[in-house]
Amino acid sequence: MRNKEQIIRAYFKSWIKQDISVIKNNFAENIIYSECYGPIYRNKSEVLKWFKDWNQNGKVLLWNIKQIILAQSKAVVEWHFKCNDQSKINEFDVVSLITFNT
């Protein structure tokens, strides 16, 4: 079984590799995934659809984790992101709050 940090790192890499299996194997059916710019996905099937749809027209070029802070069932992840989204390069820094079921 992967630990929380391994799951986070695998998820970030899954976007670069366009590998949907990390979501299928690690996300709860009742996940709530809130994007940093507004959209909210309210179950695993919505997250999977978003992943597939986004990767048809976009490509994550870089998703570097700056730091991960773990505390019980929570993780705070500071990261830098760069993508080509519909032929436009976007780049930004963000902090994520992740809650695990276990």
N, C-alpha and C. Protein backbone atom coordinates (compact mmCIF):
# COMPACT_ATOMS: atom_id res chain seq x y z
N MET A 1 0.84 -1.19 0.00
CA MET A 1 0.00 0.00 0.00
C MET A 1 0.88 1.25 0.00
N ARG A 2 0.53 2.21 -0.79
CA ARG A 2 1.27 3.46 -0.86
C ARG A 2 0.95 4.34 0.34
N ASN A 3 1.96 5.09 0.78
CA ASN A 3 1.67 6.07 1.82
C ASN A 3 1.12 7.35 1.18
N LYS A 4 0.69 8.27 1.99
CA LYS A 4 0.04 9.48 1.48
C LYS A 4 0.95 10.28 0.56
N GLU A 5 2.20 10.45 0.93
CA GLU A 5 3.12 11.21 0.08
C GLU A 5 3.32 10.53 -1.27
N GLN A 6 3.42 9.21 -1.29
CA GLN A 6 3.57 8.47 -2.55
C GLN A 6 2.34 8.65 -3.44
N ILE A 7 1.16 8.65 -2.84
CA ILE A 7 -0.07 8.84 -3.61
C ILE A 7 -0.09 10.23 -4.23
N ILE A 8 0.26 11.24 -3.45
CA ILE A 8 0.29 12.61 -3.96
C ILE A 8 1.26 12.73 -5.12
N ARG A 9 2.47 12.22 -4.93
CA ARG A 9 3.49 12.30 -5.99
C ARG A 9 3.05 11.55 -7.25
N ALA A 10 2.44 10.38 -7.05
CA ALA A 10 1.96 9.60 -8.20
C ALA A 10 0.84 10.35 -8.93
N TYR A 11 -0.04 11.01 -8.19
CA TYR A 11 -1.12 11.77 -8.81
C TYR A 11 -0.56 12.90 -9.67
N PHE A 12 0.37 13.67 -9.15
CA PHE A 12 0.95 14.75 -9.92
C PHE A 12 1.61 14.21 -11.20
N LYS A 13 2.35 13.13 -11.07
CA LYS A 13 3.01 12.52 -12.24
C LYS A 13 1.99 11.97 -13.23
N SER A 14 0.83 11.53 -12.72
CA SER A 14 -0.17 10.94 -13.61
C SER A 14 -0.65 11.95 -14.65
N TRP A 15 -0.66 13.22 -14.31
CA TRP A 15 -1.07 14.25 -15.27
C TRP A 15 -0.01 14.44 -16.35
N ILE A 16 1.23 14.37 -15.98
CA ILE A 16 2.31 14.50 -16.96
C ILE A 16 2.31 13.30 -17.90
N LYS A 17 2.09 12.11 -17.34
CA LYS A 17 2.07 10.88 -18.13
C LYS A 17 0.71 10.61 -18.77
N GLN A 18 -0.29 11.40 -18.42
CA GLN A 18 -1.68 11.20 -18.85
C GLN A 18 -2.15 9.78 -18.51
N ASP A 19 -1.88 9.38 -17.25
CA ASP A 19 -2.18 8.05 -16.74
C ASP A 19 -3.35 8.12 -15.76
N ILE A 20 -4.51 7.75 -16.21
CA ILE A 20 -5.74 7.85 -15.42
C ILE A 20 -5.82 6.81 -14.30
N SER A 21 -4.96 5.80 -14.33
CA SER A 21 -5.04 4.71 -13.35
C SER A 21 -4.83 5.18 -11.91
N VAL A 22 -4.07 6.22 -11.70
CA VAL A 22 -3.83 6.71 -10.34
C VAL A 22 -5.14 7.20 -9.73
N ILE A 23 -5.96 7.89 -10.51
CA ILE A 23 -7.26 8.34 -10.02
C ILE A 23 -8.16 7.13 -9.77
N LYS A 24 -8.20 6.22 -10.72
CA LYS A 24 -9.06 5.03 -10.58
C LYS A 24 -8.70 4.23 -9.34
N ASN A 25 -7.42 4.13 -9.03
CA ASN A 25 -6.95 3.26 -7.95
C ASN A 25 -6.86 3.93 -6.58
N ASN A 26 -6.92 5.25 -6.52
CA ASN A 26 -6.67 5.92 -5.24
C ASN A 26 -7.76 6.87 -4.77
N PHE A 27 -8.63 7.33 -5.65
CA PHE A 27 -9.64 8.30 -5.26
C PHE A 27 -10.90 7.59 -4.77
N ALA A 28 -11.53 8.14 -3.73
CA ALA A 28 -12.78 7.60 -3.21
C ALA A 28 -13.92 7.90 -4.19
N GLU A 29 -14.92 7.06 -4.19
CA GLU A 29 -16.08 7.27 -5.07
C GLU A 29 -16.77 8.60 -4.78
N ASN A 30 -16.76 9.03 -3.52
CA ASN A 30 -17.47 10.25 -3.12
C ASN A 30 -16.53 11.46 -3.01
N ILE A 31 -15.42 11.44 -3.75
CA ILE A 31 -14.45 12.54 -3.71
C ILE A 31 -15.12 13.88 -4.04
N ILE A 32 -14.63 14.93 -3.40
CA ILE A 32 -14.96 16.30 -3.80
C ILE A 32 -13.64 16.94 -4.16
N TYR A 33 -13.48 17.31 -5.42
CA TYR A 33 -12.24 17.87 -5.94
C TYR A 33 -12.53 19.30 -6.38
N SER A 34 -11.94 20.24 -5.69
CA SER A 34 -12.17 21.65 -5.97
C SER A 34 -10.92 22.23 -6.60
N GLU A 35 -11.07 22.72 -7.82
CA GLU A 35 -9.94 23.32 -8.55
C GLU A 35 -9.60 24.69 -7.98
N CYS A 36 -8.35 25.09 -8.15
CA CYS A 36 -7.89 26.38 -7.61
C CYS A 36 -8.55 27.57 -8.31
N TYR A 37 -9.12 27.38 -9.47
CA TYR A 37 -9.74 28.49 -10.21
C TYR A 37 -11.26 28.38 -10.28
N GLY A 38 -11.87 27.49 -9.48
CA GLY A 38 -13.32 27.49 -9.38
C GLY A 38 -14.08 26.20 -9.55
N PRO A 39 -13.83 25.40 -10.61
CA PRO A 39 -14.65 24.21 -10.82
C PRO A 39 -14.56 23.22 -9.66
N ILE A 40 -15.67 22.55 -9.39
CA ILE A 40 -15.74 21.52 -8.36
C ILE A 40 -16.30 20.25 -8.98
N TYR A 41 -15.63 19.12 -8.75
CA TYR A 41 -16.06 17.81 -9.24
C TYR A 41 -16.49 17.01 -8.02
N ARG A 42 -17.71 16.45 -8.05
CA ARG A 42 -18.32 15.92 -6.84
C ARG A 42 -18.37 14.39 -6.73
N ASN A 43 -17.67 13.67 -7.56
CA ASN A 43 -17.53 12.23 -7.40
C ASN A 43 -16.43 11.73 -8.34
N LYS A 44 -16.05 10.49 -8.16
CA LYS A 44 -14.94 9.95 -8.94
C LYS A 44 -15.24 9.96 -10.44
N SER A 45 -16.46 9.66 -10.84
CA SER A 45 -16.77 9.63 -12.27
C SER A 45 -16.62 11.02 -12.89
N GLU A 46 -16.97 12.09 -12.17
CA GLU A 46 -16.76 13.44 -12.68
C GLU A 46 -15.27 13.77 -12.80
N VAL A 47 -14.47 13.35 -11.82
CA VAL A 47 -13.02 13.59 -11.88
C VAL A 47 -12.41 12.84 -13.05
N LEU A 48 -12.82 11.59 -13.26
CA LEU A 48 -12.31 10.80 -14.39
C LEU A 48 -12.68 11.45 -15.72
N LYS A 49 -13.91 11.92 -15.84
CA LYS A 49 -14.35 12.58 -17.07
C LYS A 49 -13.54 13.85 -17.31
N TRP A 50 -13.34 14.65 -16.27
CA TRP A 50 -12.55 15.88 -16.37
C TRP A 50 -11.12 15.56 -16.82
N PHE A 51 -10.52 14.54 -16.22
CA PHE A 51 -9.16 14.14 -16.58
C PHE A 51 -9.08 13.77 -18.07
N LYS A 52 -10.01 12.94 -18.51
CA LYS A 52 -10.03 12.52 -19.93
C LYS A 52 -10.25 13.72 -20.86
N ASP A 53 -11.25 14.53 -20.55
CA ASP A 53 -11.57 15.69 -21.39
C ASP A 53 -10.42 16.68 -21.45
N TRP A 54 -9.85 17.00 -20.29
CA TRP A 54 -8.77 17.99 -20.25
C TRP A 54 -7.57 17.51 -21.06
N ASN A 55 -7.24 16.24 -20.93
CA ASN A 55 -6.05 15.71 -21.60
C ASN A 55 -6.24 15.53 -23.11
N GLN A 56 -7.45 15.67 -23.63
CA GLN A 56 -7.65 15.63 -25.08
C GLN A 56 -7.14 16.90 -25.74
N ASN A 57 -7.23 18.03 -25.04
CA ASN A 57 -6.83 19.31 -25.63
C ASN A 57 -5.68 19.98 -24.89
N GLY A 58 -5.22 19.37 -23.82
CA GLY A 58 -4.16 19.98 -23.02
C GLY A 58 -3.07 18.99 -22.69
N LYS A 59 -1.97 19.52 -22.18
CA LYS A 59 -0.83 18.70 -21.78
C LYS A 59 -0.14 19.37 -20.60
N VAL A 60 0.00 18.64 -19.51
CA VAL A 60 0.77 19.16 -18.38
C VAL A 60 2.24 19.02 -18.75
N LEU A 61 2.94 20.13 -18.72
CA LEU A 61 4.35 20.16 -19.08
C LEU A 61 5.25 20.00 -17.86
N LEU A 62 4.79 20.52 -16.73
CA LEU A 62 5.60 20.53 -15.51
C LEU A 62 4.65 20.63 -14.32
N TRP A 63 4.86 19.80 -13.32
CA TRP A 63 4.09 19.91 -12.09
C TRP A 63 5.01 19.53 -10.95
N ASN A 64 5.75 20.50 -10.46
CA ASN A 64 6.77 20.28 -9.44
C ASN A 64 6.21 20.54 -8.05
N ILE A 65 6.45 19.59 -7.18
CA ILE A 65 6.07 19.74 -5.78
C ILE A 65 7.22 20.46 -5.07
N LYS A 66 6.89 21.57 -4.42
CA LYS A 66 7.89 22.31 -3.64
C LYS A 66 8.01 21.74 -2.24
N GLN A 67 6.86 21.43 -1.63
CA GLN A 67 6.88 20.80 -0.31
C GLN A 67 5.54 20.13 -0.03
N ILE A 68 5.61 19.12 0.83
CA ILE A 68 4.42 18.41 1.30
C ILE A 68 4.48 18.41 2.82
N ILE A 69 3.39 18.84 3.44
CA ILE A 69 3.27 18.81 4.89
C ILE A 69 2.13 17.84 5.22
N LEU A 70 2.44 16.80 5.97
CA LEU A 70 1.45 15.78 6.33
C LEU A 70 1.09 15.90 7.81
N ALA A 71 -0.20 15.83 8.10
CA ALA A 71 -0.69 15.85 9.48
C ALA A 71 -1.94 14.99 9.56
N GLN A 72 -1.81 13.81 10.09
CA GLN A 72 -2.90 12.85 10.23
C GLN A 72 -3.53 12.57 8.86
N SER A 73 -4.81 12.93 8.69
CA SER A 73 -5.49 12.62 7.42
C SER A 73 -5.42 13.76 6.42
N LYS A 74 -4.63 14.79 6.71
CA LYS A 74 -4.52 15.97 5.84
C LYS A 74 -3.12 16.10 5.26
N ALA A 75 -3.06 16.75 4.09
CA ALA A 75 -1.78 17.10 3.48
C ALA A 75 -1.91 18.49 2.88
N VAL A 76 -0.87 19.27 3.04
CA VAL A 76 -0.76 20.57 2.38
C VAL A 76 0.38 20.43 1.38
N VAL A 77 0.11 20.78 0.13
CA VAL A 77 1.11 20.62 -0.92
C VAL A 77 1.29 21.97 -1.62
N GLU A 78 2.52 22.44 -1.63
CA GLU A 78 2.86 23.65 -2.38
C GLU A 78 3.50 23.21 -3.68
N TRP A 79 3.03 23.78 -4.80
CA TRP A 79 3.50 23.30 -6.09
C TRP A 79 3.56 24.39 -7.14
N HIS A 80 4.32 24.07 -8.20
CA HIS A 80 4.42 24.93 -9.39
C HIS A 80 3.93 24.12 -10.57
N PHE A 81 3.11 24.75 -11.41
CA PHE A 81 2.42 24.06 -12.50
C PHE A 81 2.63 24.80 -13.81
N LYS A 82 2.84 24.04 -14.88
CA LYS A 82 2.94 24.62 -16.22
C LYS A 82 2.26 23.65 -17.19
N CYS A 83 1.42 24.22 -18.07
CA CYS A 83 0.71 23.37 -19.02
C CYS A 83 0.53 24.09 -20.35
N ASN A 84 0.23 23.29 -21.35
CA ASN A 84 -0.20 23.79 -22.65
C ASN A 84 -1.68 23.43 -22.73
N ASP A 85 -2.53 24.43 -22.58
CA ASP A 85 -3.97 24.22 -22.59
C ASP A 85 -4.56 24.88 -23.83
N GLN A 86 -4.95 24.05 -24.78
CA GLN A 86 -5.52 24.51 -26.04
C GLN A 86 -4.57 25.50 -26.73
N SER A 87 -3.30 25.11 -26.82
CA SER A 87 -2.23 25.87 -27.48
C SER A 87 -1.85 27.16 -26.76
N LYS A 88 -2.21 27.27 -25.50
CA LYS A 88 -1.81 28.42 -24.70
C LYS A 88 -1.03 27.92 -23.48
N ILE A 89 0.16 28.49 -23.26
CA ILE A 89 0.99 28.09 -22.13
C ILE A 89 0.54 28.86 -20.89
N ASN A 90 0.25 28.12 -19.83
CA ASN A 90 -0.13 28.69 -18.54
C ASN A 90 0.85 28.19 -17.49
N GLU A 91 1.17 29.05 -16.52
CA GLU A 91 2.12 28.69 -15.49
C GLU A 91 1.76 29.43 -14.21
N PHE A 92 1.75 28.71 -13.07
CA PHE A 92 1.39 29.34 -11.81
C PHE A 92 1.83 28.50 -10.62
N ASP A 93 1.80 29.13 -9.43
CA ASP A 93 2.10 28.48 -8.16
C ASP A 93 0.81 28.38 -7.36
N VAL A 94 0.64 27.25 -6.64
CA VAL A 94 -0.59 27.01 -5.88
C VAL A 94 -0.26 26.19 -4.64
N VAL A 95 -1.14 26.27 -3.66
CA VAL A 95 -1.11 25.40 -2.48
C VAL A 95 -2.41 24.61 -2.47
N SER A 96 -2.31 23.31 -2.26
CA SER A 96 -3.49 22.43 -2.19
C SER A 96 -3.66 21.87 -0.78
N LEU A 97 -4.91 21.71 -0.38
CA LEU A 97 -5.25 21.00 0.86
C LEU A 97 -5.91 19.70 0.44
N ILE A 98 -5.35 18.60 0.90
CA ILE A 98 -5.86 17.27 0.53
C ILE A 98 -6.30 16.56 1.81
N THR A 99 -7.48 15.96 1.77
CA THR A 99 -7.97 15.18 2.90
C THR A 99 -8.09 13.72 2.45
N PHE A 100 -7.49 12.83 3.23
CA PHE A 100 -7.54 11.39 2.96
C PHE A 100 -8.62 10.76 3.83
N ASN A 101 -9.22 9.67 3.35
CA ASN A 101 -10.22 8.95 4.14
C ASN A 101 -9.59 8.16 5.28
N THR A 102 -8.32 7.83 5.14
CA THR A 102 -7.65 7.03 6.18
C THR A 102 -6.45 7.74 6.73
